[in-house]
Amino acid sequence: MQGRVTYEFAVIRLVPKVEREEFLNVGVILFSKRKKFLAIKYWIDENRIKAFSNKVDIDMLKDSLNAWEQVCEGTPNGGKIGQLDIAERFRWLVACRSTIIQSSKTHPGLCYHPEEVLEELFELYVL
């Protein structure tokens, strides 16, 4: 138990028709305050997305997920949200919204290495 830290994660969902509440998992976001870690991992499988909904603008999806990544990294390209502290950036990204890109509820856990957990969660929920 010693050395493990808490983390929170959410699954990133593509919701092409918000009113239908149908979604496709496209990524995972993970935050660990003690490790000062915030990262997102996503995968855009164009064929799978088009099979799910042929009305999704793939370029807009790529741009939006790239913006989420910039916010996670805290770069100037992340805008004002990207300049917030790491916990506030995570909370902003996983806040409830009714847009084409949403996140699940957050879930907690304990780990030694958040990078490894992000990979495991990505494989479990997205691939």
N, C-alpha and C. Protein backbone atom coordinates (compact mmCIF):
# COMPACT_ATOMS: atom_id res chain seq x y z
N MET A 1 0.82 -1.19 0.00
CA MET A 1 0.00 0.00 0.00
C MET A 1 0.86 1.26 0.00
N GLN A 2 2.02 1.18 0.66
CA GLN A 2 2.89 2.34 0.74
C GLN A 2 3.40 2.71 -0.65
N GLY A 3 3.38 3.99 -0.94
CA GLY A 3 3.84 4.47 -2.23
C GLY A 3 2.73 4.63 -3.26
N ARG A 4 1.58 4.03 -2.99
CA ARG A 4 0.48 4.19 -3.93
C ARG A 4 -0.19 5.53 -3.69
N VAL A 5 -0.71 6.09 -4.76
CA VAL A 5 -1.39 7.38 -4.69
C VAL A 5 -2.78 7.26 -5.28
N THR A 6 -3.63 8.17 -4.89
CA THR A 6 -4.98 8.17 -5.44
C THR A 6 -4.97 8.77 -6.85
N TYR A 7 -5.92 8.33 -7.63
CA TYR A 7 -6.14 8.91 -8.95
C TYR A 7 -7.63 8.91 -9.22
N GLU A 8 -8.02 9.70 -10.19
CA GLU A 8 -9.39 9.73 -10.69
C GLU A 8 -9.32 9.61 -12.20
N PHE A 9 -10.32 8.96 -12.77
CA PHE A 9 -10.36 8.87 -14.21
C PHE A 9 -11.80 8.96 -14.70
N ALA A 10 -11.92 9.30 -15.98
CA ALA A 10 -13.22 9.30 -16.65
C ALA A 10 -13.00 8.80 -18.07
N VAL A 11 -14.02 8.21 -18.62
CA VAL A 11 -13.99 7.74 -20.00
C VAL A 11 -14.51 8.87 -20.89
N ILE A 12 -13.82 9.14 -21.99
CA ILE A 12 -14.24 10.18 -22.93
C ILE A 12 -15.14 9.52 -23.97
N ARG A 13 -16.30 10.13 -24.19
CA ARG A 13 -17.31 9.54 -25.06
C ARG A 13 -17.64 10.47 -26.23
N LEU A 14 -17.84 9.87 -27.37
CA LEU A 14 -18.37 10.56 -28.54
C LEU A 14 -19.88 10.32 -28.53
N VAL A 15 -20.65 11.41 -28.51
CA VAL A 15 -22.12 11.33 -28.46
C VAL A 15 -22.65 12.07 -29.68
N PRO A 16 -22.76 11.39 -30.82
CA PRO A 16 -23.15 12.07 -32.06
C PRO A 16 -24.52 12.75 -32.00
N LYS A 17 -25.48 12.10 -31.36
CA LYS A 17 -26.82 12.67 -31.22
C LYS A 17 -27.14 12.72 -29.73
N VAL A 18 -26.90 13.87 -29.16
CA VAL A 18 -27.02 14.03 -27.71
C VAL A 18 -28.39 13.61 -27.21
N GLU A 19 -29.41 13.91 -27.99
CA GLU A 19 -30.77 13.58 -27.56
C GLU A 19 -31.02 12.07 -27.46
N ARG A 20 -30.24 11.27 -28.16
CA ARG A 20 -30.41 9.81 -28.11
C ARG A 20 -29.59 9.16 -27.00
N GLU A 21 -28.61 9.89 -26.46
CA GLU A 21 -27.76 9.42 -25.37
C GLU A 21 -26.98 8.15 -25.72
N GLU A 22 -26.74 7.90 -27.00
CA GLU A 22 -25.90 6.78 -27.42
C GLU A 22 -24.48 7.30 -27.56
N PHE A 23 -23.52 6.48 -27.16
CA PHE A 23 -22.15 6.96 -27.20
C PHE A 23 -21.18 5.85 -27.58
N LEU A 24 -20.00 6.30 -27.99
CA LEU A 24 -18.89 5.44 -28.34
C LEU A 24 -17.68 5.92 -27.53
N ASN A 25 -17.04 5.04 -26.78
CA ASN A 25 -15.85 5.42 -26.02
C ASN A 25 -14.70 5.69 -26.97
N VAL A 26 -14.08 6.87 -26.82
CA VAL A 26 -12.95 7.23 -27.67
C VAL A 26 -11.68 7.55 -26.89
N GLY A 27 -11.77 7.64 -25.57
CA GLY A 27 -10.57 7.97 -24.81
C GLY A 27 -10.77 7.84 -23.32
N VAL A 28 -9.69 8.12 -22.60
CA VAL A 28 -9.68 8.10 -21.14
C VAL A 28 -8.85 9.28 -20.66
N ILE A 29 -9.30 9.91 -19.57
CA ILE A 29 -8.54 10.99 -18.95
C ILE A 29 -8.26 10.57 -17.51
N LEU A 30 -7.03 10.80 -17.06
CA LEU A 30 -6.63 10.38 -15.72
C LEU A 30 -5.91 11.52 -15.01
N PHE A 31 -6.23 11.69 -13.72
CA PHE A 31 -5.67 12.76 -12.90
C PHE A 31 -5.19 12.18 -11.58
N SER A 32 -3.96 12.55 -11.17
CA SER A 32 -3.44 12.21 -9.85
C SER A 32 -2.82 13.47 -9.27
N LYS A 33 -3.45 13.98 -8.23
CA LYS A 33 -2.97 15.21 -7.61
C LYS A 33 -1.57 15.03 -7.03
N ARG A 34 -1.35 13.94 -6.30
CA ARG A 34 -0.05 13.74 -5.64
C ARG A 34 1.09 13.56 -6.64
N LYS A 35 0.79 12.95 -7.80
CA LYS A 35 1.83 12.77 -8.81
C LYS A 35 1.89 13.95 -9.79
N LYS A 36 0.97 14.93 -9.59
CA LYS A 36 0.89 16.07 -10.51
C LYS A 36 0.77 15.58 -11.95
N PHE A 37 -0.15 14.65 -12.13
CA PHE A 37 -0.33 13.99 -13.42
C PHE A 37 -1.73 14.24 -13.95
N LEU A 38 -1.81 14.71 -15.19
CA LEU A 38 -3.08 14.85 -15.89
C LEU A 38 -2.81 14.55 -17.35
N ALA A 39 -3.48 13.53 -17.87
CA ALA A 39 -3.25 13.16 -19.27
C ALA A 39 -4.51 12.53 -19.84
N ILE A 40 -4.59 12.62 -21.14
CA ILE A 40 -5.67 12.01 -21.89
C ILE A 40 -5.06 11.12 -22.96
N LYS A 41 -5.71 10.01 -23.21
CA LYS A 41 -5.30 9.13 -24.31
C LYS A 41 -6.56 8.83 -25.09
N TYR A 42 -6.51 9.04 -26.38
CA TYR A 42 -7.69 8.79 -27.20
C TYR A 42 -7.30 8.16 -28.53
N TRP A 43 -8.31 7.60 -29.17
CA TRP A 43 -8.11 6.94 -30.46
C TRP A 43 -9.32 7.22 -31.32
N ILE A 44 -9.07 7.73 -32.49
CA ILE A 44 -10.15 8.03 -33.43
C ILE A 44 -10.10 6.98 -34.54
N ASP A 45 -10.98 6.03 -34.44
CA ASP A 45 -11.12 4.97 -35.45
C ASP A 45 -12.22 5.43 -36.40
N GLU A 46 -11.82 6.04 -37.51
CA GLU A 46 -12.77 6.66 -38.42
C GLU A 46 -13.81 5.66 -38.94
N ASN A 47 -13.39 4.44 -39.26
CA ASN A 47 -14.34 3.45 -39.76
C ASN A 47 -15.37 3.08 -38.69
N ARG A 48 -14.92 2.90 -37.49
CA ARG A 48 -15.84 2.56 -36.39
C ARG A 48 -16.81 3.71 -36.12
N ILE A 49 -16.29 4.93 -36.14
CA ILE A 49 -17.14 6.10 -35.90
C ILE A 49 -18.17 6.25 -37.01
N LYS A 50 -17.75 6.10 -38.26
CA LYS A 50 -18.68 6.22 -39.38
C LYS A 50 -19.74 5.12 -39.37
N ALA A 51 -19.36 3.93 -38.88
CA ALA A 51 -20.35 2.86 -38.75
C ALA A 51 -21.36 3.19 -37.66
N PHE A 52 -20.91 3.89 -36.65
CA PHE A 52 -21.77 4.28 -35.53
C PHE A 52 -22.68 5.44 -35.93
N SER A 53 -22.10 6.43 -36.63
CA SER A 53 -22.87 7.59 -37.10
C SER A 53 -22.11 8.22 -38.27
N ASN A 54 -22.77 8.29 -39.40
CA ASN A 54 -22.10 8.87 -40.58
C ASN A 54 -22.17 10.40 -40.60
N LYS A 55 -22.70 11.01 -39.56
CA LYS A 55 -22.82 12.47 -39.51
C LYS A 55 -21.75 13.15 -38.66
N VAL A 56 -20.80 12.38 -38.14
CA VAL A 56 -19.76 12.95 -37.29
C VAL A 56 -18.71 13.64 -38.16
N ASP A 57 -18.39 14.86 -37.80
CA ASP A 57 -17.33 15.62 -38.46
C ASP A 57 -16.00 15.19 -37.82
N ILE A 58 -15.27 14.32 -38.50
CA ILE A 58 -14.04 13.75 -37.95
C ILE A 58 -13.00 14.83 -37.67
N ASP A 59 -12.88 15.82 -38.54
CA ASP A 59 -11.91 16.90 -38.31
C ASP A 59 -12.24 17.69 -37.05
N MET A 60 -13.53 17.96 -36.83
CA MET A 60 -13.95 18.67 -35.62
C MET A 60 -13.65 17.82 -34.39
N LEU A 61 -13.89 16.52 -34.48
CA LEU A 61 -13.60 15.61 -33.37
C LEU A 61 -12.11 15.64 -33.05
N LYS A 62 -11.27 15.55 -34.07
CA LYS A 62 -9.82 15.59 -33.86
C LYS A 62 -9.40 16.90 -33.21
N ASP A 63 -9.94 18.01 -33.70
CA ASP A 63 -9.61 19.33 -33.14
C ASP A 63 -10.04 19.42 -31.68
N SER A 64 -11.23 18.93 -31.38
CA SER A 64 -11.74 19.00 -30.01
C SER A 64 -10.91 18.17 -29.05
N LEU A 65 -10.58 16.95 -29.45
CA LEU A 65 -9.77 16.09 -28.57
C LEU A 65 -8.35 16.64 -28.43
N ASN A 66 -7.85 17.24 -29.49
CA ASN A 66 -6.53 17.89 -29.39
C ASN A 66 -6.59 19.05 -28.40
N ALA A 67 -7.69 19.78 -28.39
CA ALA A 67 -7.85 20.88 -27.43
C ALA A 67 -7.88 20.33 -26.00
N TRP A 68 -8.56 19.19 -25.78
CA TRP A 68 -8.56 18.56 -24.46
C TRP A 68 -7.14 18.22 -24.06
N GLU A 69 -6.37 17.69 -25.02
CA GLU A 69 -4.98 17.33 -24.74
C GLU A 69 -4.15 18.56 -24.36
N GLN A 70 -4.36 19.66 -25.06
CA GLN A 70 -3.64 20.90 -24.76
C GLN A 70 -3.98 21.41 -23.35
N VAL A 71 -5.25 21.28 -22.97
CA VAL A 71 -5.66 21.69 -21.63
C VAL A 71 -4.98 20.80 -20.59
N CYS A 72 -4.95 19.50 -20.83
CA CYS A 72 -4.29 18.57 -19.90
C CYS A 72 -2.83 18.95 -19.71
N GLU A 73 -2.15 19.28 -20.80
CA GLU A 73 -0.73 19.59 -20.75
C GLU A 73 -0.46 20.97 -20.15
N GLY A 74 -1.49 21.81 -20.06
CA GLY A 74 -1.29 23.14 -19.50
C GLY A 74 -0.48 24.05 -20.39
N THR A 75 -0.51 23.81 -21.69
CA THR A 75 0.25 24.64 -22.62
C THR A 75 -0.50 25.93 -22.92
N PRO A 76 0.19 26.95 -23.42
CA PRO A 76 -0.50 28.19 -23.81
C PRO A 76 -1.60 27.93 -24.85
N ASN A 77 -1.43 26.90 -25.68
CA ASN A 77 -2.46 26.56 -26.66
C ASN A 77 -3.74 26.05 -25.99
N GLY A 78 -3.68 25.74 -24.71
CA GLY A 78 -4.85 25.30 -23.96
C GLY A 78 -5.75 26.44 -23.53
N GLY A 79 -5.40 27.67 -23.91
CA GLY A 79 -6.22 28.83 -23.59
C GLY A 79 -6.26 29.11 -22.10
N LYS A 80 -7.28 29.84 -21.68
CA LYS A 80 -7.40 30.22 -20.27
C LYS A 80 -7.60 29.01 -19.38
N ILE A 81 -8.34 28.02 -19.87
CA ILE A 81 -8.55 26.80 -19.07
C ILE A 81 -7.22 26.08 -18.88
N GLY A 82 -6.39 26.06 -19.90
CA GLY A 82 -5.09 25.42 -19.81
C GLY A 82 -4.13 26.07 -18.83
N GLN A 83 -4.43 27.30 -18.42
CA GLN A 83 -3.58 28.01 -17.47
C GLN A 83 -4.01 27.80 -16.02
N LEU A 84 -5.16 27.14 -15.82
CA LEU A 84 -5.60 26.85 -14.46
C LEU A 84 -4.69 25.80 -13.82
N ASP A 85 -4.81 25.61 -12.50
CA ASP A 85 -3.99 24.56 -11.90
C ASP A 85 -4.52 23.19 -12.33
N ILE A 86 -3.73 22.18 -12.13
CA ILE A 86 -4.00 20.86 -12.68
C ILE A 86 -5.36 20.29 -12.24
N ALA A 87 -5.72 20.47 -10.97
CA ALA A 87 -7.00 19.95 -10.48
C ALA A 87 -8.17 20.68 -11.14
N GLU A 88 -8.06 21.97 -11.29
CA GLU A 88 -9.13 22.74 -11.93
C GLU A 88 -9.28 22.37 -13.41
N ARG A 89 -8.16 22.10 -14.08
CA ARG A 89 -8.25 21.68 -15.48
C ARG A 89 -8.98 20.35 -15.59
N PHE A 90 -8.65 19.40 -14.71
CA PHE A 90 -9.33 18.11 -14.73
C PHE A 90 -10.82 18.29 -14.47
N ARG A 91 -11.18 19.04 -13.45
CA ARG A 91 -12.59 19.26 -13.10
C ARG A 91 -13.35 19.91 -14.26
N TRP A 92 -12.71 20.85 -14.95
CA TRP A 92 -13.35 21.51 -16.07
C TRP A 92 -13.59 20.50 -17.20
N LEU A 93 -12.59 19.67 -17.48
CA LEU A 93 -12.73 18.71 -18.58
C LEU A 93 -13.79 17.65 -18.31
N VAL A 94 -13.93 17.21 -17.08
CA VAL A 94 -14.89 16.13 -16.79
C VAL A 94 -16.24 16.66 -16.30
N ALA A 95 -16.43 17.96 -16.33
CA ALA A 95 -17.72 18.53 -15.93
C ALA A 95 -18.82 18.03 -16.86
N CYS A 96 -20.01 17.87 -16.31
CA CYS A 96 -21.16 17.41 -17.08
C CYS A 96 -21.46 18.40 -18.20
N ARG A 97 -21.64 17.90 -19.40
CA ARG A 97 -21.97 18.75 -20.53
C ARG A 97 -22.83 17.98 -21.51
N SER A 98 -23.55 18.69 -22.33
CA SER A 98 -24.38 18.04 -23.34
C SER A 98 -23.88 18.45 -24.72
N THR A 99 -22.69 17.98 -25.03
CA THR A 99 -22.07 18.25 -26.32
C THR A 99 -21.70 16.91 -26.96
N ILE A 100 -21.13 16.98 -28.13
CA ILE A 100 -20.77 15.76 -28.85
C ILE A 100 -19.64 14.99 -28.16
N ILE A 101 -18.81 15.68 -27.37
CA ILE A 101 -17.77 15.02 -26.59
C ILE A 101 -18.10 15.20 -25.11
N GLN A 102 -18.25 14.09 -24.41
CA GLN A 102 -18.60 14.10 -23.00
C GLN A 102 -17.68 13.14 -22.25
N SER A 103 -17.77 13.20 -20.94
CA SER A 103 -17.02 12.23 -20.13
C SER A 103 -18.00 11.48 -19.24
N SER A 104 -17.58 10.31 -18.83
CA SER A 104 -18.36 9.55 -17.86
C SER A 104 -18.23 10.22 -16.50
N LYS A 105 -18.90 9.67 -15.52
CA LYS A 105 -18.65 10.10 -14.15
C LYS A 105 -17.21 9.74 -13.82
N THR A 106 -16.64 10.42 -12.84
CA THR A 106 -15.27 10.09 -12.46
C THR A 106 -15.26 8.88 -11.51
N HIS A 107 -14.18 8.14 -11.60
CA HIS A 107 -14.00 6.95 -10.77
C HIS A 107 -12.64 7.03 -10.10
N PRO A 108 -12.54 6.64 -8.83
CA PRO A 108 -11.26 6.71 -8.11
C PRO A 108 -10.51 5.40 -8.13
N GLY A 109 -9.23 5.48 -7.77
CA GLY A 109 -8.41 4.29 -7.62
C GLY A 109 -7.10 4.62 -6.93
N LEU A 110 -6.30 3.59 -6.72
CA LEU A 110 -4.96 3.74 -6.15
C LEU A 110 -3.96 3.13 -7.12
N CYS A 111 -2.82 3.77 -7.24
CA CYS A 111 -1.80 3.24 -8.15
C CYS A 111 -0.41 3.70 -7.74
N TYR A 112 0.59 3.07 -8.33
CA TYR A 112 1.97 3.50 -8.19
C TYR A 112 2.36 4.44 -9.34
N HIS A 113 1.90 4.09 -10.54
CA HIS A 113 2.30 4.82 -11.74
C HIS A 113 1.08 5.17 -12.57
N PRO A 114 0.62 6.42 -12.51
CA PRO A 114 -0.58 6.79 -13.25
C PRO A 114 -0.47 6.60 -14.77
N GLU A 115 0.74 6.72 -15.31
CA GLU A 115 0.92 6.53 -16.76
C GLU A 115 0.51 5.12 -17.16
N GLU A 116 0.90 4.15 -16.33
CA GLU A 116 0.58 2.75 -16.62
C GLU A 116 -0.91 2.49 -16.49
N VAL A 117 -1.53 3.10 -15.49
CA VAL A 117 -2.97 2.93 -15.30
C VAL A 117 -3.73 3.54 -16.47
N LEU A 118 -3.28 4.68 -16.96
CA LEU A 118 -3.92 5.30 -18.11
C LEU A 118 -3.92 4.34 -19.30
N GLU A 119 -2.78 3.70 -19.55
CA GLU A 119 -2.69 2.72 -20.64
C GLU A 119 -3.65 1.55 -20.43
N GLU A 120 -3.70 1.04 -19.20
CA GLU A 120 -4.57 -0.09 -18.89
C GLU A 120 -6.04 0.27 -19.07
N LEU A 121 -6.42 1.44 -18.58
CA LEU A 121 -7.80 1.88 -18.71
C LEU A 121 -8.17 2.13 -20.17
N PHE A 122 -7.24 2.67 -20.93
CA PHE A 122 -7.45 2.91 -22.35
C PHE A 122 -7.73 1.58 -23.07
N GLU A 123 -6.92 0.58 -22.79
CA GLU A 123 -7.12 -0.72 -23.42
C GLU A 123 -8.44 -1.35 -22.98
N LEU A 124 -8.81 -1.17 -21.73
CA LEU A 124 -10.04 -1.75 -21.19
C LEU A 124 -11.30 -1.09 -21.75
N TYR A 125 -11.31 0.24 -21.82
CA TYR A 125 -12.53 0.95 -22.16
C TYR A 125 -12.64 1.42 -23.61
N VAL A 126 -11.51 1.52 -24.31
CA VAL A 126 -11.55 2.09 -25.65
C VAL A 126 -11.25 1.08 -26.75
N LEU A 127 -10.21 0.30 -26.57
CA LEU A 127 -9.82 -0.63 -27.64
C LEU A 127 -10.68 -1.87 -27.69
